[in-house]
PDB file of N, CA and C in Angstrom:
ATOM      1  N   MET A   1     145.279  74.264  79.343  1.00  0.00           N
ATOM      2  CA  MET A   1     146.597  74.849  79.272  1.00  0.00           C
ATOM      3  C   MET A   1     146.486  76.293  78.771  1.00  0.00           C
ATOM      4  N   LEU A   2     147.131  77.186  79.453  1.00  0.00           N
ATOM      5  CA  LEU A   2     147.115  78.600  79.072  1.00  0.00           C
ATOM      6  C   LEU A   2     147.999  78.840  77.860  1.00  0.00           C
ATOM      7  N   PRO A   3     147.625  79.817  77.030  1.00  0.00           N
ATOM      8  CA  PRO A   3     148.490  80.133  75.885  1.00  0.00           C
ATOM      9  C   PRO A   3     149.810  80.739  76.358  1.00  0.00           C
ATOM     10  N   SER A   4     150.832  80.516  75.572  1.00  0.00           N
ATOM     11  CA  SER A   4     152.144  81.073  75.900  1.00  0.00           C
ATOM     12  C   SER A   4     152.121  82.588  75.681  1.00  0.00           C
ATOM     13  N   ALA A   5     153.129  83.269  76.179  1.00  0.00           N
ATOM     14  CA  ALA A   5     153.243  84.714  75.988  1.00  0.00           C
ATOM     15  C   ALA A   5     153.289  85.046  74.498  1.00  0.00           C
ATOM     16  N   GLU A   6     153.988  84.239  73.736  1.00  0.00           N
ATOM     17  CA  GLU A   6     154.081  84.456  72.288  1.00  0.00           C
ATOM     18  C   GLU A   6     152.706  84.294  71.622  1.00  0.00           C
ATOM     19  N   GLU A   7     151.940  83.291  72.025  1.00  0.00           N
ATOM     20  CA  GLU A   7     150.598  83.091  71.475  1.00  0.00           C
ATOM     21  C   GLU A   7     149.678  84.244  71.852  1.00  0.00           C
ATOM     22  N   GLN A   8     149.819  84.755  73.059  1.00  0.00           N
ATOM     23  CA  GLN A   8     149.008  85.890  73.490  1.00  0.00           C
ATOM     24  C   GLN A   8     149.340  87.139  72.676  1.00  0.00           C
ATOM     25  N   ARG A   9     150.623  87.368  72.439  1.00  0.00           N
ATOM     26  CA  ARG A   9     151.030  88.518  71.627  1.00  0.00           C
ATOM     27  C   ARG A   9     150.503  88.381  70.205  1.00  0.00           C
ATOM     28  N   ALA A  10     150.585  87.186  69.644  1.00  0.00           N
ATOM     29  CA  ALA A  10     150.100  86.956  68.278  1.00  0.00           C
ATOM     30  C   ALA A  10     148.587  87.174  68.195  1.00  0.00           C
ATOM     31  N   SER A  11     147.857  86.722  69.203  1.00  0.00           N
ATOM     32  CA  SER A  11     146.406  86.913  69.226  1.00  0.00           C
ATOM     33  C   SER A  11     146.062  88.400  69.322  1.00  0.00           C
ATOM     34  N   ALA A  12     146.748  89.110  70.192  1.00  0.00           N
ATOM     35  CA  ALA A  12     146.503  90.546  70.341  1.00  0.00           C
ATOM     36  C   ALA A  12     146.803  91.288  69.040  1.00  0.00           C
ATOM     37  N   ALA A  13     147.863  90.913  68.351  1.00  0.00           N
ATOM     38  CA  ALA A  13     148.213  91.550  67.077  1.00  0.00           C
ATOM     39  C   ALA A  13     147.162  91.243  66.015  1.00  0.00           C
ATOM     40  N   ALA A  14     146.660  90.024  65.982  1.00  0.00           N
ATOM     41  CA  ALA A  14     145.638  89.654  65.005  1.00  0.00           C
ATOM     42  C   ALA A  14     144.354  90.439  65.252  1.00  0.00           C
ATOM     43  N   ILE A  15     143.963  90.575  66.506  1.00  0.00           N
ATOM     44  CA  ILE A  15     142.758  91.347  66.835  1.00  0.00           C
ATOM     45  C   ILE A  15     142.947  92.806  66.438  1.00  0.00           C
ATOM     46  N   ALA A  16     144.113  93.387  66.739  1.00  0.00           N
ATOM     47  CA  ALA A  16     144.387  94.783  66.383  1.00  0.00           C
ATOM     48  C   ALA A  16     144.296  94.994  64.870  1.00  0.00           C
ATOM     49  N   THR A  17     144.795  94.047  64.098  1.00  0.00           N
ATOM     50  CA  THR A  17     144.740  94.134  62.635  1.00  0.00           C
ATOM     51  C   THR A  17     143.301  94.096  62.146  1.00  0.00           C
ATOM     52  N   GLU A  18     142.491  93.232  62.740  1.00  0.00           N
ATOM     53  CA  GLU A  18     141.104  93.084  62.304  1.00  0.00           C
ATOM     54  C   GLU A  18     140.237  94.285  62.679  1.00  0.00           C
ATOM     55  N   VAL A  19     140.490  94.907  63.827  1.00  0.00           N
ATOM     56  CA  VAL A  19     139.639  96.032  64.243  1.00  0.00           C
ATOM     57  C   VAL A  19     140.112  97.372  63.694  1.00  0.00           C
ATOM     58  N   ALA A  20     141.284  97.434  63.088  1.00  0.00           N
ATOM     59  CA  ALA A  20     141.798  98.697  62.556  1.00  0.00           C
ATOM     60  C   ALA A  20     140.823  99.365  61.581  1.00  0.00           C
ATOM     61  N   PRO A  21     140.225  98.635  60.612  1.00  0.00           N
ATOM     62  CA  PRO A  21     139.262  99.304  59.720  1.00  0.00           C
ATOM     63  C   PRO A  21     138.029  99.818  60.458  1.00  0.00           C
ATOM     64  N   LEU A  22     137.592  99.095  61.464  1.00  0.00           N
ATOM     65  CA  LEU A  22     136.443  99.537  62.255  1.00  0.00           C
ATOM     66  C   LEU A  22     136.775 100.836  62.981  1.00  0.00           C
ATOM     67  N   LEU A  23     137.945 100.915  63.563  1.00  0.00           N
ATOM     68  CA  LEU A  23     138.344 102.128  64.275  1.00  0.00           C
ATOM     69  C   LEU A  23     138.560 103.301  63.315  1.00  0.00           C
ATOM     70  N   ALA A  24     139.046 103.037  62.101  1.00  0.00           N
ATOM     71  CA  ALA A  24     139.270 104.103  61.121  1.00  0.00           C
ATOM     72  C   ALA A  24     137.959 104.763  60.706  1.00  0.00           C
ATOM     73  N   TRP A  25     136.856 104.015  60.736  1.00  0.00           N
ATOM     74  CA  TRP A  25     135.547 104.555  60.380  1.00  0.00           C
ATOM     75  C   TRP A  25     135.198 105.750  61.251  1.00  0.00           C
ATOM     76  N   TRP A  26     135.674 105.753  62.479  1.00  0.00           N
ATOM     77  CA  TRP A  26     135.337 106.800  63.439  1.00  0.00           C
ATOM     78  C   TRP A  26     136.033 108.121  63.153  1.00  0.00           C
ATOM     79  N   ASP A  27     136.943 108.168  62.212  1.00  0.00           N
ATOM     80  CA  ASP A  27     137.565 109.436  61.840  1.00  0.00           C
ATOM     81  C   ASP A  27     136.535 110.405  61.260  1.00  0.00           C
ATOM     82  N   ALA A  28     135.437 109.865  60.705  1.00  0.00           N
ATOM     83  CA  ALA A  28     134.427 110.707  60.061  1.00  0.00           C
ATOM     84  C   ALA A  28     133.052 110.615  60.722  1.00  0.00           C
ATOM     85  N   HIS A  29     132.941 109.900  61.854  1.00  0.00           N
ATOM     86  CA  HIS A  29     131.639 109.706  62.485  1.00  0.00           C
ATOM     87  C   HIS A  29     131.738 109.890  63.993  1.00  0.00           C
ATOM     88  N   ASP A  30     130.642 110.334  64.601  1.00  0.00           N
ATOM     89  CA  ASP A  30     130.607 110.544  66.049  1.00  0.00           C
ATOM     90  C   ASP A  30     129.895 109.423  66.796  1.00  0.00           C
ATOM     91  N   VAL A  31     128.746 108.981  66.255  1.00  0.00           N
ATOM     92  CA  VAL A  31     127.919 107.985  66.934  1.00  0.00           C
ATOM     93  C   VAL A  31     127.372 107.004  65.903  1.00  0.00           C
ATOM     94  N   LEU A  32     127.309 105.754  66.285  1.00  0.00           N
ATOM     95  CA  LEU A  32     126.663 104.722  65.483  1.00  0.00           C
ATOM     96  C   LEU A  32     125.441 104.253  66.262  1.00  0.00           C
ATOM     97  N   VAL A  33     124.292 104.201  65.590  1.00  0.00           N
ATOM     98  CA  VAL A  33     123.056 103.746  66.215  1.00  0.00           C
ATOM     99  C   VAL A  33     122.638 102.454  65.530  1.00  0.00           C
ATOM    100  N   THR A  34     122.432 101.402  66.326  1.00  0.00           N
ATOM    101  CA  THR A  34     122.000 100.116  65.798  1.00  0.00           C
ATOM    102  C   THR A  34     120.913  99.552  66.709  1.00  0.00           C
ATOM    103  N   PRO A  35     120.201  98.535  66.239  1.00  0.00           N
ATOM    104  CA  PRO A  35     119.360  97.805  67.191  1.00  0.00           C
ATOM    105  C   PRO A  35     120.273  97.141  68.221  1.00  0.00           C
ATOM    106  N   THR A  36     119.761  96.885  69.398  1.00  0.00           N
ATOM    107  CA  THR A  36     120.556  96.148  70.378  1.00  0.00           C
ATOM    108  C   THR A  36     120.687  94.699  69.936  1.00  0.00           C
ATOM    109  N   THR A  37     119.577  94.134  69.474  1.00  0.00           N
ATOM    110  CA  THR A  37     119.568  92.784  68.918  1.00  0.00           C
ATOM    111  C   THR A  37     118.749  92.809  67.642  1.00  0.00           C
ATOM    112  N   ARG A  38     118.840  91.770  66.842  1.00  0.00           N
ATOM    113  CA  ARG A  38     118.115  91.768  65.573  1.00  0.00           C
ATOM    114  C   ARG A  38     116.687  91.251  65.698  1.00  0.00           C
ATOM    115  N   GLN A  39     116.258  90.967  66.903  1.00  0.00           N
ATOM    116  CA  GLN A  39     114.892  90.507  67.142  1.00  0.00           C
ATOM    117  C   GLN A  39     114.437  91.045  68.488  1.00  0.00           C
ATOM    118  N   PRO A  40     113.127  91.107  68.709  1.00  0.00           N
ATOM    119  CA  PRO A  40     112.666  91.512  70.046  1.00  0.00           C
ATOM    120  C   PRO A  40     113.165  90.518  71.095  1.00  0.00           C
ATOM    121  N   ALA A  41     113.063  90.921  72.324  1.00  0.00           N
ATOM    122  CA  ALA A  41     113.499  90.053  73.420  1.00  0.00           C
ATOM    123  C   ALA A  41     112.786  88.708  73.341  1.00  0.00           C
ATOM    124  N   TRP A  42     113.469  87.655  73.702  1.00  0.00           N
ATOM    125  CA  TRP A  42     112.908  86.314  73.711  1.00  0.00           C
ATOM    126  C   TRP A  42     112.462  85.989  75.133  1.00  0.00           C
ATOM    127  N   PRO A  43     111.515  85.094  75.268  1.00  0.00           N
ATOM    128  CA  PRO A  43     111.028  84.761  76.612  1.00  0.00           C
ATOM    129  C   PRO A  43     112.136  84.215  77.504  1.00  0.00           C
ATOM    130  N   LEU A  44     112.036  84.508  78.787  1.00  0.00           N
ATOM    131  CA  LEU A  44     112.996  83.978  79.747  1.00  0.00           C
ATOM    132  C   LEU A  44     113.032  82.463  79.658  1.00  0.00           C
ATOM    133  N   GLY A  45     114.219  81.907  79.718  1.00  0.00           N
ATOM    134  CA  GLY A  45     114.373  80.463  79.731  1.00  0.00           C
ATOM    135  C   GLY A  45     114.420  79.819  78.364  1.00  0.00           C
ATOM    136  N   LEU A  46     114.189  80.576  77.295  1.00  0.00           N
ATOM    137  CA  LEU A  46     114.265  79.999  75.960  1.00  0.00           C
ATOM    138  C   LEU A  46     115.721  79.700  75.660  1.00  0.00           C
ATOM    139  N   PRO A  47     116.063  78.436  75.460  1.00  0.00           N
ATOM    140  CA  PRO A  47     117.481  78.079  75.357  1.00  0.00           C
ATOM    141  C   PRO A  47     118.200  78.632  74.132  1.00  0.00           C
ATOM    142  N   ASP A  48     117.517  78.847  73.026  1.00  0.00           N
ATOM    143  CA  ASP A  48     118.237  79.303  71.836  1.00  0.00           C
ATOM    144  C   ASP A  48     118.052  80.782  71.541  1.00  0.00           C
ATOM    145  N   GLY A  49     117.466  81.547  72.446  1.00  0.00           N
ATOM    146  CA  GLY A  49     117.258  82.971  72.216  1.00  0.00           C
ATOM    147  C   GLY A  49     118.537  83.755  71.987  1.00  0.00           C
ATOM    148  N   PRO A  50     119.506  83.699  72.911  1.00  0.00           N
ATOM    149  CA  PRO A  50     120.705  84.526  72.762  1.00  0.00           C
ATOM    150  C   PRO A  50     121.509  84.240  71.497  1.00  0.00           C
ATOM    151  N   GLN A  51     121.505  83.007  71.030  1.00  0.00           N
ATOM    152  CA  GLN A  51     122.325  82.718  69.854  1.00  0.00           C
ATOM    153  C   GLN A  51     121.758  83.348  68.578  1.00  0.00           C
ATOM    154  N   HIS A  52     120.507  83.787  68.607  1.00  0.00           N
ATOM    155  CA  HIS A  52     119.898  84.440  67.462  1.00  0.00           C
ATOM    156  C   HIS A  52     119.827  85.956  67.632  1.00  0.00           C
ATOM    157  N   ALA A  53     120.489  86.468  68.646  1.00  0.00           N
ATOM    158  CA  ALA A  53     120.392  87.890  68.963  1.00  0.00           C
ATOM    159  C   ALA A  53     121.025  88.777  67.903  1.00  0.00           C
ATOM    160  N   GLY A  54     122.031  88.305  67.215  1.00  0.00           N
ATOM    161  CA  GLY A  54     122.667  89.103  66.185  1.00  0.00           C
ATOM    162  C   GLY A  54     124.012  89.642  66.616  1.00  0.00           C
ATOM    163  N   PRO A  55     124.754  90.156  65.667  1.00  0.00           N
ATOM    164  CA  PRO A  55     126.141  90.558  65.902  1.00  0.00           C
ATOM    165  C   PRO A  55     126.343  92.008  66.301  1.00  0.00           C
ATOM    166  N   PHE A  56     125.304  92.741  66.620  1.00  0.00           N
ATOM    167  CA  PHE A  56     125.451  94.178  66.813  1.00  0.00           C
ATOM    168  C   PHE A  56     126.360  94.562  67.979  1.00  0.00           C
ATOM    169  N   ILE A  57     126.367  93.787  69.030  1.00  0.00           N
ATOM    170  CA  ILE A  57     127.117  94.194  70.210  1.00  0.00           C
ATOM    171  C   ILE A  57     128.544  93.663  70.255  1.00  0.00           C
ATOM    172  N   PHE A  58     128.817  92.592  69.554  1.00  0.00           N
ATOM    173  CA  PHE A  58     130.102  91.930  69.752  1.00  0.00           C
ATOM    174  C   PHE A  58     131.332  92.660  69.205  1.00  0.00           C
ATOM    175  N   PRO A  59     131.304  93.364  68.057  1.00  0.00           N
ATOM    176  CA  PRO A  59     132.556  93.960  67.556  1.00  0.00           C
ATOM    177  C   PRO A  59     133.201  94.941  68.520  1.00  0.00           C
ATOM    178  N   PHE A  60     132.382  95.621  69.308  1.00  0.00           N
ATOM    179  CA  PHE A  60     132.902  96.679  70.165  1.00  0.00           C
ATOM    180  C   PHE A  60     133.532  96.135  71.440  1.00  0.00           C
ATOM    181  N   SER A  61     133.372  94.843  71.668  1.00  0.00           N
ATOM    182  CA  SER A  61     134.080  94.197  72.776  1.00  0.00           C
ATOM    183  C   SER A  61     135.586  94.177  72.498  1.00  0.00           C
ATOM    184  N   PHE A  62     135.943  94.228  71.232  1.00  0.00           N
ATOM    185  CA  PHE A  62     137.350  94.176  70.846  1.00  0.00           C
ATOM    186  C   PHE A  62     137.976  95.557  70.701  1.00  0.00           C
ATOM    187  N   THR A  63     137.161  96.596  70.535  1.00  0.00           N
ATOM    188  CA  THR A  63     137.717  97.926  70.285  1.00  0.00           C
ATOM    189  C   THR A  63     137.823  98.776  71.542  1.00  0.00           C
ATOM    190  N   GLY A  64     137.108  98.408  72.588  1.00  0.00           N
ATOM    191  CA  GLY A  64     137.144  99.179  73.820  1.00  0.00           C
ATOM    192  C   GLY A  64     136.376 100.485  73.747  1.00  0.00           C
ATOM    193  N   GLN A  65     135.479 100.608  72.776  1.00  0.00           N
ATOM    194  CA  GLN A  65     134.702 101.834  72.623  1.00  0.00           C
ATOM    195  C   GLN A  65     133.557 101.881  73.627  1.00  0.00           C
ATOM    196  N   PRO A  66     133.082 103.101  73.926  1.00  0.00           N
ATOM    197  CA  PRO A  66     131.906 103.195  74.781  1.00  0.00           C
ATOM    198  C   PRO A  66     130.664 102.742  74.007  1.00  0.00           C
ATOM    199  N   VAL A  67     129.881 101.892  74.635  1.00  0.00           N
ATOM    200  CA  VAL A  67     128.668 101.350  74.032  1.00  0.00           C
ATOM    201  C   VAL A  67     127.610 101.274  75.120  1.00  0.00           C
ATOM    202  N   LEU A  68     126.376 101.616  74.777  1.00  0.00           N
ATOM    203  CA  LEU A  68     125.292 101.446  75.729  1.00  0.00           C
ATOM    204  C   LEU A  68     124.021 101.100  74.983  1.00  0.00           C
ATOM    205  N   SER A  69     123.102 100.525  75.711  1.00  0.00           N
ATOM    206  CA  SER A  69     121.821 100.141  75.151  1.00  0.00           C
ATOM    207  C   SER A  69     120.714 100.811  75.945  1.00  0.00           C
ATOM    208  N   LEU A  70     119.730 101.340  75.234  1.00  0.00           N
ATOM    209  CA  LEU A  70     118.613 102.027  75.871  1.00  0.00           C
ATOM    210  C   LEU A  70     117.306 101.333  75.501  1.00  0.00           C
ATOM    211  N   PRO A  71     116.412 101.111  76.459  1.00  0.00           N
ATOM    212  CA  PRO A  71     115.108 100.512  76.157  1.00  0.00           C
ATOM    213  C   PRO A  71     114.137 101.578  75.658  1.00  0.00           C
ATOM    214  N   VAL A  72     114.115 101.827  74.363  1.00  0.00           N
ATOM    215  CA  VAL A  72     113.357 102.955  73.832  1.00  0.00           C
ATOM    216  C   VAL A  72     111.921 102.632  73.435  1.00  0.00           C
ATOM    217  N   ALA A  73     111.567 101.353  73.372  1.00  0.00           N
ATOM    218  CA  ALA A  73     110.203 100.977  72.977  1.00  0.00           C
ATOM    219  C   ALA A  73     109.835  99.658  73.637  1.00  0.00           C
ATOM    220  N   MET A  74     108.572  99.266  73.447  1.00  0.00           N
ATOM    221  CA  MET A  74     108.091  97.984  73.957  1.00  0.00           C
ATOM    222  C   MET A  74     107.460  97.227  72.796  1.00  0.00           C
ATOM    223  N   SER A  75     107.668  95.921  72.770  1.00  0.00           N
ATOM    224  CA  SER A  75     107.044  95.087  71.748  1.00  0.00           C
ATOM    225  C   SER A  75     105.556  94.924  72.058  1.00  0.00           C
ATOM    226  N   GLU A  76     104.811  94.339  71.126  1.00  0.00           N
ATOM    227  CA  GLU A  76     103.390  94.074  71.375  1.00  0.00           C
ATOM    228  C   GLU A  76     103.205  93.154  72.568  1.00  0.00           C
ATOM    229  N   ASP A  77     104.219  92.338  72.862  1.00  0.00           N
ATOM    230  CA  ASP A  77     104.170  91.423  74.004  1.00  0.00           C
ATOM    231  C   ASP A  77     104.599  92.102  75.298  1.00  0.00           C
ATOM    232  N   GLY A  78     104.919  93.401  75.239  1.00  0.00           N
ATOM    233  CA  GLY A  78     105.312  94.128  76.437  1.00  0.00           C
ATOM    234  C   GLY A  78     106.755  93.938  76.844  1.00  0.00           C
ATOM    235  N   LEU A  79     107.596  93.499  75.903  1.00  0.00           N
ATOM    236  CA  LEU A  79     109.018  93.316  76.204  1.00  0.00           C
ATOM    237  C   LEU A  79     109.814  94.498  75.654  1.00  0.00           C
ATOM    238  N   PRO A  80     110.904  94.854  76.311  1.00  0.00           N
ATOM    239  CA  PRO A  80     111.671  96.029  75.868  1.00  0.00           C
ATOM    240  C   PRO A  80     112.359  95.801  74.523  1.00  0.00           C
ATOM    241  N   ILE A  81     112.391  96.872  73.733  1.00  0.00           N
ATOM    242  CA  ILE A  81     113.128  96.896  72.479  1.00  0.00           C
ATOM    243  C   ILE A  81     114.211  97.951  72.659  1.00  0.00           C
ATOM    244  N   GLY A  82     115.441  97.547  72.452  1.00  0.00           N
ATOM    245  CA  GLY A  82     116.553  98.448  72.714  1.00  0.00           C
ATOM    246  C   GLY A  82     117.200  99.003  71.469  1.00  0.00           C
ATOM    247  N   VAL A  83     117.853 100.123  71.657  1.00  0.00           N
ATOM    248  CA  VAL A  83     118.702 100.718  70.638  1.00  0.00           C
ATOM    249  C   VAL A  83     120.098 100.809  71.244  1.00  0.00           C
ATOM    250  N   GLN A  84     121.091 100.513  70.445  1.00  0.00           N
ATOM    251  CA  GLN A  84     122.474 100.558  70.903  1.00  0.00           C
ATOM    252  C   GLN A  84     123.147 101.809  70.335  1.00  0.00           C
ATOM    253  N   LEU A  85     123.834 102.523  71.188  1.00  0.00           N
ATOM    254  CA  LEU A  85     124.630 103.672  70.767  1.00  0.00           C
ATOM    255  C   LEU A  85     126.092 103.321  70.965  1.00  0.00           C
ATOM    256  N   VAL A  86     126.889 103.577  69.948  1.00  0.00           N
ATOM    257  CA  VAL A  86     128.327 103.333  70.010  1.00  0.00           C
ATOM    258  C   VAL A  86     129.020 104.665  69.780  1.00  0.00           C
ATOM    259  N   GLY A  87     129.962 104.990  70.638  1.00  0.00           N
ATOM    260  CA  GLY A  87     130.682 106.250  70.511  1.00  0.00           C
ATOM    261  C   GLY A  87     132.091 106.057  69.989  1.00  0.00           C
ATOM    262  N   ARG A  88     132.670 107.159  69.579  1.00  0.00           N
ATOM    263  CA  ARG A  88     134.081 107.141  69.163  1.00  0.00           C
ATOM    264  C   ARG A  88     134.936 106.679  70.341  1.00  0.00           C
ATOM    265  N   PRO A  89     136.090 106.115  70.066  1.00  0.00           N
ATOM    266  CA  PRO A  89     136.985 105.747  71.166  1.00  0.00           C
ATOM    267  C   PRO A  89     137.263 106.959  72.057  1.00  0.00           C
ATOM    268  N   GLY A  90     137.072 106.766  73.354  1.00  0.00           N
ATOM    269  CA  GLY A  90     137.335 107.823  74.322  1.00  0.00           C
ATOM    270  C   GLY A  90     136.212 108.824  74.513  1.00  0.00           C
ATOM    271  N   ALA A  91     135.096 108.654  73.796  1.00  0.00           N
ATOM    272  CA  ALA A  91     134.000 109.632  73.866  1.00  0.00           C
ATOM    273  C   ALA A  91     132.913 109.189  74.839  1.00  0.00           C
ATOM    274  N   ASP A  92     133.297 108.634  75.956  1.00  0.00           N
ATOM    275  CA  ASP A  92     132.335 108.127  76.936  1.00  0.00           C
ATOM    276  C   ASP A  92     131.374 109.217  77.407  1.00  0.00           C
ATOM    277  N   GLU A  93     131.886 110.382  77.755  1.00  0.00           N
ATOM    278  CA  GLU A  93     131.034 111.453  78.277  1.00  0.00           C
ATOM    279  C   GLU A  93     130.037 111.937  77.232  1.00  0.00           C
ATOM    280  N   GLU A  94     130.469 112.040  75.983  1.00  0.00           N
ATOM    281  CA  GLU A  94     129.561 112.463  74.913  1.00  0.00           C
ATOM    282  C   GLU A  94     128.438 111.446  74.732  1.00  0.00           C
ATOM    283  N   LEU A  95     128.775 110.172  74.803  1.00  0.00           N
ATOM    284  CA  LEU A  95     127.771 109.134  74.624  1.00  0.00           C
ATOM    285  C   LEU A  95     126.774 109.143  75.781  1.00  0.00           C
ATOM    286  N   LEU A  96     127.261 109.320  76.990  1.00  0.00           N
ATOM    287  CA  LEU A  96     126.367 109.399  78.147  1.00  0.00           C
ATOM    288  C   LEU A  96     125.455 110.627  78.065  1.00  0.00           C
ATOM    289  N   ALA A  97     125.974 111.743  77.573  1.00  0.00           N
ATOM    290  CA  ALA A  97     125.153 112.946  77.413  1.00  0.00           C
ATOM    291  C   ALA A  97     124.057 112.714  76.376  1.00  0.00           C
ATOM    292  N   LEU A  98     124.381 112.053  75.285  1.00  0.00           N
ATOM    293  CA  LEU A  98     123.381 111.730  74.273  1.00  0.00           C
ATOM    294  C   LEU A  98     122.327 110.788  74.854  1.00  0.00           C
ATOM    295  N   ALA A  99     122.755 109.796  75.604  1.00  0.00           N
ATOM    296  CA  ALA A  99     121.812 108.866  76.234  1.00  0.00           C
ATOM    297  C   ALA A  99     120.864 109.612  77.178  1.00  0.00           C
ATOM    298  N   ALA A 100     121.375 110.587  77.914  1.00  0.00           N
ATOM    299  CA  ALA A 100     120.532 111.374  78.817  1.00  0.00           C
ATOM    300  C   ALA A 100     119.489 112.170  78.030  1.00  0.00           C
ATOM    301  N   GLN A 101     119.872 112.704  76.879  1.00  0.00           N
ATOM    302  CA  GLN A 101     118.924 113.437  76.044  1.00  0.00           C
ATOM    303  C   GLN A 101     117.829 112.515  75.519  1.00  0.00           C
ATOM    304  N   ILE A 102     118.225 111.310  75.104  1.00  0.00           N
ATOM    305  CA  ILE A 102     117.240 110.348  74.597  1.00  0.00           C
ATOM    306  C   ILE A 102     116.304 109.911  75.724  1.00  0.00           C
ATOM    307  N   GLU A 103     116.847 109.683  76.903  1.00  0.00           N
ATOM    308  CA  GLU A 103     115.997 109.300  78.036  1.00  0.00           C
ATOM    309  C   GLU A 103     115.006 110.409  78.376  1.00  0.00           C
ATOM    310  N   ALA A 104     115.441 111.659  78.290  1.00  0.00           N
ATOM    311  CA  ALA A 104     114.531 112.777  78.569  1.00  0.00           C
ATOM    312  C   ALA A 104     113.406 112.838  77.532  1.00  0.00           C
ATOM    313  N   ALA A 105     113.728 112.522  76.279  1.00  0.00           N
ATOM    314  CA  ALA A 105     112.729 112.562  75.214  1.00  0.00           C
ATOM    315  C   ALA A 105     111.828 111.331  75.219  1.00  0.00           C
ATOM    316  N   LEU A 106     112.372 110.187  75.624  1.00  0.00           N
ATOM    317  CA  LEU A 106     111.629 108.916  75.624  1.00  0.00           C
ATOM    318  C   LEU A 106     111.782 108.234  76.981  1.00  0.00           C
ATOM    319  N   PRO A 107     111.222 108.806  78.034  1.00  0.00           N
ATOM    320  CA  PRO A 107     111.435 108.222  79.362  1.00  0.00           C
ATOM    321  C   PRO A 107     110.902 106.791  79.450  1.00  0.00           C
ATOM    322  N   TRP A 108     111.645 105.961  80.129  1.00  0.00           N
ATOM    323  CA  TRP A 108     111.254 104.554  80.240  1.00  0.00           C
ATOM    324  C   TRP A 108     111.179 104.063  81.680  1.00  0.00           C
ATOM    325  N   THR A 109     111.366 104.934  82.642  1.00  0.00           N
ATOM    326  CA  THR A 109     111.395 104.480  84.034  1.00  0.00           C
ATOM    327  C   THR A 109     110.065 103.918  84.516  1.00  0.00           C
ATOM    328  N   ASP A 110     108.960 104.280  83.856  1.00  0.00           N
ATOM    329  CA  ASP A 110     107.658 103.763  84.269  1.00  0.00           C
ATOM    330  C   ASP A 110     107.175 102.610  83.398  1.00  0.00           C
ATOM    331  N   ARG A 111     107.987 102.178  82.435  1.00  0.00           N
ATOM    332  CA  ARG A 111     107.591 101.060  81.571  1.00  0.00           C
ATOM    333  C   ARG A 111     108.259  99.782  82.074  1.00  0.00           C
ATOM    334  N   TRP A 112     107.445  98.795  82.372  1.00  0.00           N
ATOM    335  CA  TRP A 112     107.959  97.525  82.884  1.00  0.00           C
ATOM    336  C   TRP A 112     107.301  96.378  82.136  1.00  0.00           C
ATOM    337  N   PRO A 113     108.061  95.319  81.807  1.00  0.00           N
ATOM    338  CA  PRO A 113     107.426  94.145  81.218  1.00  0.00           C
ATOM    339  C   PRO A 113     106.501  93.487  82.237  1.00  0.00           C
ATOM    340  N   ALA A 114     105.500  92.773  81.750  1.00  0.00           N
ATOM    341  CA  ALA A 114     104.496  92.170  82.620  1.00  0.00           C
ATOM    342  C   ALA A 114     105.121  91.270  83.693  1.00  0.00           C
ATOM    343  N   PHE A 115     106.159  90.522  83.331  1.00  0.00           N
ATOM    344  CA  PHE A 115     106.750  89.616  84.331  1.00  0.00           C
ATOM    345  C   PHE A 115     107.359  90.405  85.480  1.00  0.00           C
ATOM    346  N   ALA A 116     107.810  91.628  85.234  1.00  0.00           N
ATOM    347  CA  ALA A 116     108.381  92.450  86.307  1.00  0.00           C
ATOM    348  C   ALA A 116     107.284  93.013  87.211  1.00  0.00           C
ATOM    349  N   LEU A 117     106.140  93.301  86.615  1.00  0.00           N
ATOM    350  CA  LEU A 117     105.042  93.846  87.410  1.00  0.00           C
ATOM    351  C   LEU A 117     104.521  92.835  88.426  1.00  0.00           C
ATOM    352  N   GLY A 118     104.625  91.571  88.093  1.00  0.00           N
ATOM    353  CA  GLY A 118     104.194  90.522  89.007  1.00  0.00           C
ATOM    354  C   GLY A 118     105.127  90.334  90.169  1.00  0.00           C
ATOM    355  N   SER A 119     106.293  90.991  90.132  1.00  0.00           N
ATOM    356  CA  SER A 119     107.267  90.826  91.212  1.00  0.00           C
ATOM    357  C   SER A 119     107.265  92.008  92.180  1.00  0.00           C
ATOM    358  N   GLY A 120     106.116  92.684  92.292  1.00  0.00           N
ATOM    359  CA  GLY A 120     106.017  93.758  93.280  1.00  0.00           C
ATOM    360  C   GLY A 120     106.166  95.141  92.713  1.00  0.00           C
ATOM    361  N   ARG A 121     106.389  95.302  91.429  1.00  0.00           N
ATOM    362  CA  ARG A 121     106.521  96.625  90.810  1.00  0.00           C
ATOM    363  C   ARG A 121     105.209  97.113  90.319  1.00  0.00           C
TER     364      ARG A 121
END
């Protein structure tokens, strides 16, 4: 059963109340840099990998801010390690420009995990 219009409005208001302090933080900051996940990538098919990934990406699903992840390093196992960049609300172009600068400094187009190399790369 779908929620009623009143329940939807109440949910939207509750989310807005909870994210207000997060959005206020951006009055004094331009970019937030975090790990993409709190652990290196887990092997494909591992059933409990995603649930241990950490909370870094989820808050921004509610704020509508620009967020991107860049594969800036490789683990000892040859798996990508990402960094997440979060921009101020509406600062999509600034965040993309920063990502381009990081890619120029740390190019990753030639780095592939071993499982990808076996697929013709």
